[in-house]
Amino acid sequence: MLGWLDGSDAWTARDDLDGGLDDLAVDLAHAVRAIGKLRDVPAPRRDPGDRGGPVEPLLRGLDRWLDDAPWNAAGLIDVASVRRSAAESLEAAGEPVTVGFVHGDLIPGNVLTRRGRLTALIDWGTAAYADPAQDMAPAWALFDRRSRPVFREAVGADDAAWLRARAFELEHAVGGVLYYVPRRHPLGDVMARTLHRILDEG
C-alpha cells in the first residue's frame, strides 16, 4: 500500500515559491548531501555519454543535437550561447570525481513542497551511482539568481562541481526543449525556463 505524500510539486507551486526560495534551497541542498552519502543501494552506474557520467562524452552528444537538422536546434534555442556554456563546462571535464548515489531527476515536478519547505522527493526511477553534481540540477531547474547561491553554498559545490552540474543540466534542458516544445508538452516550459536560467547565468 502506498501512503499519501503531502505537498505540491515545485512547478505547480512556482508562483507561490517565487516570493522566497531560500528555505527550500537549504532544505534541498541538505537532501542532496544526504542522498550522496547512501551506500549499498541496488542501482546501476552511469555510463559515458549518460547524464551523470563523464562530462566530455555527454557534451559531444549535445553537440550532435545542435548540428542535426531534424532537431531544428537553431529554430528553438540560442545555439551559440549553448555552445559557449558547454565549452566553459569542458574546463572541468578532467577534474577527479568520486561517484556517489544520486536521485538523478530533480526537476521541479519531482520536488514536493509545502509552505515553501521541502516535504518529499518523488520519482526515483533514474536513481543511480553517478557524479554527485548531477543532483545539483535544481540550481537552474528550480532556483533563481537570488536563491541559487544559497543552494550552492549549502550543497558545498566547488567550482569544478558547479561547472559539471551546469553541463549536466544544460544537456538535459536542451534535450527537453528540442523534444518537448514541438510537441507542446508541459515539460517543454519547464526545460525552456531551465535553459534560460543557465544561459542567463553565463
Protein backbone atom coordinates (compact mmCIF):
# COMPACT_ATOMS: atom_id res chain seq x y z
CA MET A 1 0.00 0.00 0.00
CA LEU A 2 1.23 3.48 -0.88
CA GLY A 3 0.84 6.36 1.53
CA TRP A 4 -0.08 9.92 0.61
CA LEU A 5 2.79 12.41 0.42
CA ASP A 6 1.77 15.89 1.47
CA GLY A 7 2.71 18.88 -0.65
CA SER A 8 2.54 20.39 -4.12
CA ASP A 9 5.20 19.89 -6.73
CA ALA A 10 7.51 22.86 -7.16
CA TRP A 11 6.38 23.55 -10.73
CA THR A 12 2.69 23.73 -9.82
CA ALA A 13 3.58 25.89 -6.81
CA ARG A 14 6.07 28.08 -8.69
CA ASP A 15 4.07 31.31 -8.38
CA ASP A 16 3.88 30.92 -4.61
CA LEU A 17 7.53 29.89 -4.32
CA ASP A 18 8.84 32.82 -6.34
CA GLY A 19 8.30 35.01 -3.30
CA GLY A 20 11.13 33.30 -1.42
CA LEU A 21 13.15 30.18 -2.20
CA ASP A 22 15.98 30.39 0.33
CA ASP A 23 14.49 27.93 2.83
CA LEU A 24 13.73 25.44 0.07
CA ALA A 25 17.25 25.88 -1.31
CA VAL A 26 18.75 24.91 2.05
CA ASP A 27 16.30 22.02 2.52
CA LEU A 28 17.04 20.60 -0.90
CA ALA A 29 20.80 21.03 -0.55
CA HIS A 30 20.71 19.06 2.69
CA ALA A 31 18.65 16.35 0.98
CA VAL A 32 21.14 16.16 -1.90
CA ARG A 33 24.03 15.79 0.52
CA ALA A 34 22.18 13.04 2.41
CA ILE A 35 21.37 11.18 -0.80
CA GLY A 36 25.01 11.30 -1.81
CA LYS A 37 26.01 9.50 1.39
CA LEU A 38 23.81 6.48 0.70
CA ARG A 39 25.69 3.25 0.08
CA ASP A 40 24.81 -0.32 -0.92
CA VAL A 41 21.63 0.74 -2.72
CA PRO A 42 20.95 -1.61 -5.66
CA ALA A 43 21.22 0.76 -8.61
CA PRO A 44 23.13 1.00 -11.90
CA ARG A 45 26.14 3.18 -12.59
CA ARG A 46 26.09 5.93 -15.22
CA ASP A 47 28.00 5.13 -18.41
CA PRO A 48 29.99 7.61 -20.50
CA GLY A 49 27.53 9.64 -22.56
CA ASP A 50 24.86 9.45 -19.85
CA ARG A 51 23.90 12.44 -17.72
CA GLY A 52 25.88 11.99 -14.52
CA GLY A 53 28.71 10.23 -16.33
CA PRO A 54 31.89 11.88 -17.63
CA VAL A 55 31.21 15.39 -18.92
CA GLU A 56 33.13 15.27 -22.21
CA PRO A 57 31.21 12.41 -23.89
CA LEU A 58 27.93 13.94 -22.71
CA LEU A 59 28.74 17.28 -24.32
CA ARG A 60 29.82 15.58 -27.55
CA GLY A 61 26.32 14.12 -27.71
CA LEU A 62 24.85 17.57 -27.08
CA ASP A 63 26.93 18.94 -29.94
CA ARG A 64 25.44 16.36 -32.29
CA TRP A 65 21.93 17.50 -31.34
CA LEU A 66 22.85 21.07 -32.21
CA ASP A 67 24.13 20.01 -35.65
CA ASP A 68 21.38 17.51 -36.50
CA ALA A 69 18.91 19.24 -38.84
CA PRO A 70 15.80 17.23 -37.82
CA TRP A 71 16.06 18.60 -34.25
CA ASN A 72 15.83 22.18 -35.58
CA ALA A 73 18.02 23.45 -32.73
CA ALA A 74 18.60 26.84 -34.37
CA GLY A 75 14.87 27.41 -34.55
CA LEU A 76 14.27 26.64 -30.88
CA ILE A 77 17.32 27.72 -28.87
CA ASP A 78 20.28 30.11 -28.90
CA VAL A 79 22.81 27.63 -30.27
CA ALA A 80 25.82 29.95 -29.91
CA SER A 81 25.11 30.56 -26.22
CA VAL A 82 24.63 26.84 -25.61
CA ARG A 83 27.99 26.12 -27.22
CA ARG A 84 29.69 28.79 -25.08
CA SER A 85 28.23 27.32 -21.88
CA ALA A 86 29.28 23.81 -22.92
CA ALA A 87 32.82 24.99 -23.68
CA GLU A 88 33.11 26.58 -20.23
CA SER A 89 32.00 23.34 -18.57
CA LEU A 90 34.58 21.35 -20.52
CA GLU A 91 37.18 23.10 -18.37
CA ALA A 92 36.08 20.83 -15.51
CA ALA A 93 35.98 17.65 -17.59
CA GLY A 94 39.35 16.41 -16.36
CA GLU A 95 38.74 17.00 -12.67
CA PRO A 96 38.61 13.86 -10.48
CA VAL A 97 35.11 12.73 -9.48
CA THR A 98 34.11 10.49 -6.59
CA VAL A 99 30.97 8.68 -7.71
CA GLY A 100 28.02 8.67 -5.30
CA PHE A 101 24.35 7.78 -5.19
CA VAL A 102 22.06 10.30 -6.94
CA HIS A 103 18.34 10.78 -7.37
CA GLY A 104 19.09 11.68 -10.96
CA ASP A 105 16.00 13.70 -11.91
CA LEU A 106 15.50 16.64 -9.55
CA ILE A 107 13.25 18.65 -11.84
CA PRO A 108 10.57 20.83 -10.18
CA GLY A 109 7.85 18.24 -10.75
CA ASN A 110 9.72 15.73 -8.57
CA VAL A 111 10.21 18.13 -5.65
CA LEU A 112 7.25 18.35 -3.29
CA THR A 113 6.86 21.45 -1.14
CA ARG A 114 4.54 22.86 1.48
CA ARG A 115 4.66 26.47 2.68
CA GLY A 116 8.00 26.94 0.96
CA ARG A 117 9.70 23.94 2.56
CA LEU A 118 10.68 20.55 1.14
CA THR A 119 8.31 17.70 2.04
CA ALA A 120 9.44 14.87 -0.29
CA LEU A 121 11.34 13.86 -3.41
CA ILE A 122 9.47 11.57 -5.79
CA ASP A 123 10.15 9.52 -8.95
CA TRP A 124 13.32 7.62 -8.15
CA GLY A 125 13.27 5.69 -11.43
CA THR A 126 16.55 7.18 -12.65
CA ALA A 127 18.46 6.82 -9.37
CA ALA A 128 21.99 5.55 -9.91
CA TYR A 129 25.63 5.86 -8.93
CA ALA A 130 27.00 8.89 -10.76
CA ASP A 131 28.77 12.20 -10.43
CA PRO A 132 27.08 13.81 -7.39
CA ALA A 133 27.00 17.07 -9.36
CA GLN A 134 24.05 15.66 -11.30
CA ASP A 135 21.82 16.25 -8.28
CA MET A 136 22.71 19.94 -8.30
CA ALA A 137 20.30 20.36 -11.22
CA PRO A 138 17.81 22.35 -9.08
CA ALA A 139 20.29 25.23 -9.10
CA TRP A 140 18.82 26.13 -12.50
CA ALA A 141 15.75 23.91 -12.81
CA LEU A 142 14.21 25.34 -9.65
CA PHE A 143 16.20 28.24 -8.17
CA ASP A 144 16.59 31.79 -9.44
CA ARG A 145 19.57 34.14 -9.36
CA ARG A 146 18.91 35.13 -5.74
CA SER A 147 18.40 31.66 -4.27
CA ARG A 148 20.93 29.82 -6.45
CA PRO A 149 23.96 30.96 -4.40
CA VAL A 150 22.15 29.85 -1.22
CA PHE A 151 21.74 26.37 -2.69
CA ARG A 152 25.35 26.28 -3.89
CA GLU A 153 26.76 27.24 -0.51
CA ALA A 154 24.54 24.78 1.36
CA VAL A 155 25.33 21.90 -1.00
CA GLY A 156 29.06 22.70 -0.81
CA ALA A 157 29.83 22.82 -4.54
CA ASP A 158 33.32 23.86 -5.62
CA ASP A 159 33.94 25.49 -9.00
CA ALA A 160 34.60 22.23 -10.84
CA ALA A 161 31.48 20.51 -9.46
CA TRP A 162 29.40 23.57 -10.32
CA LEU A 163 30.59 23.55 -13.94
CA ARG A 164 29.87 19.82 -14.26
CA ALA A 165 26.44 20.31 -12.70
CA ARG A 166 25.68 23.07 -15.17
CA ALA A 167 26.82 20.86 -18.05
CA PHE A 168 24.51 18.04 -16.97
CA GLU A 169 21.54 20.37 -16.71
CA LEU A 170 22.43 22.16 -19.95
CA GLU A 171 22.27 18.85 -21.82
CA HIS A 172 19.05 17.96 -20.01
CA ALA A 173 17.39 21.30 -20.78
CA VAL A 174 18.45 21.41 -24.43
CA GLY A 175 17.20 17.87 -24.98
CA GLY A 176 13.95 18.72 -23.24
CA VAL A 177 13.35 21.84 -25.31
CA LEU A 178 14.15 20.11 -28.60
CA TYR A 179 11.90 17.15 -27.80
CA TYR A 180 9.02 18.58 -25.77
CA VAL A 181 8.48 22.10 -27.13
CA PRO A 182 7.49 20.99 -30.66
CA ARG A 183 5.07 18.51 -29.06
CA ARG A 184 3.57 21.25 -26.85
CA HIS A 185 4.22 19.09 -23.81
CA PRO A 186 4.22 20.85 -20.40
CA LEU A 187 7.80 19.73 -19.80
CA GLY A 188 8.80 21.99 -22.66
CA ASP A 189 8.03 25.01 -20.47
CA VAL A 190 9.98 23.52 -17.56
CA MET A 191 13.03 22.88 -19.72
CA ALA A 192 12.82 26.23 -21.52
CA ARG A 193 12.87 28.07 -18.18
CA THR A 194 15.83 25.99 -17.04
CA LEU A 195 17.76 26.65 -20.23
CA HIS A 196 17.07 30.38 -19.98
CA ARG A 197 18.47 30.44 -16.44
CA ILE A 198 21.60 28.53 -17.43
CA LEU A 199 22.35 30.82 -20.36
CA ASP A 200 21.44 33.92 -18.35
CA GLU A 201 24.00 32.93 -15.73
CA GLY A 202 26.65 32.62 -18.41
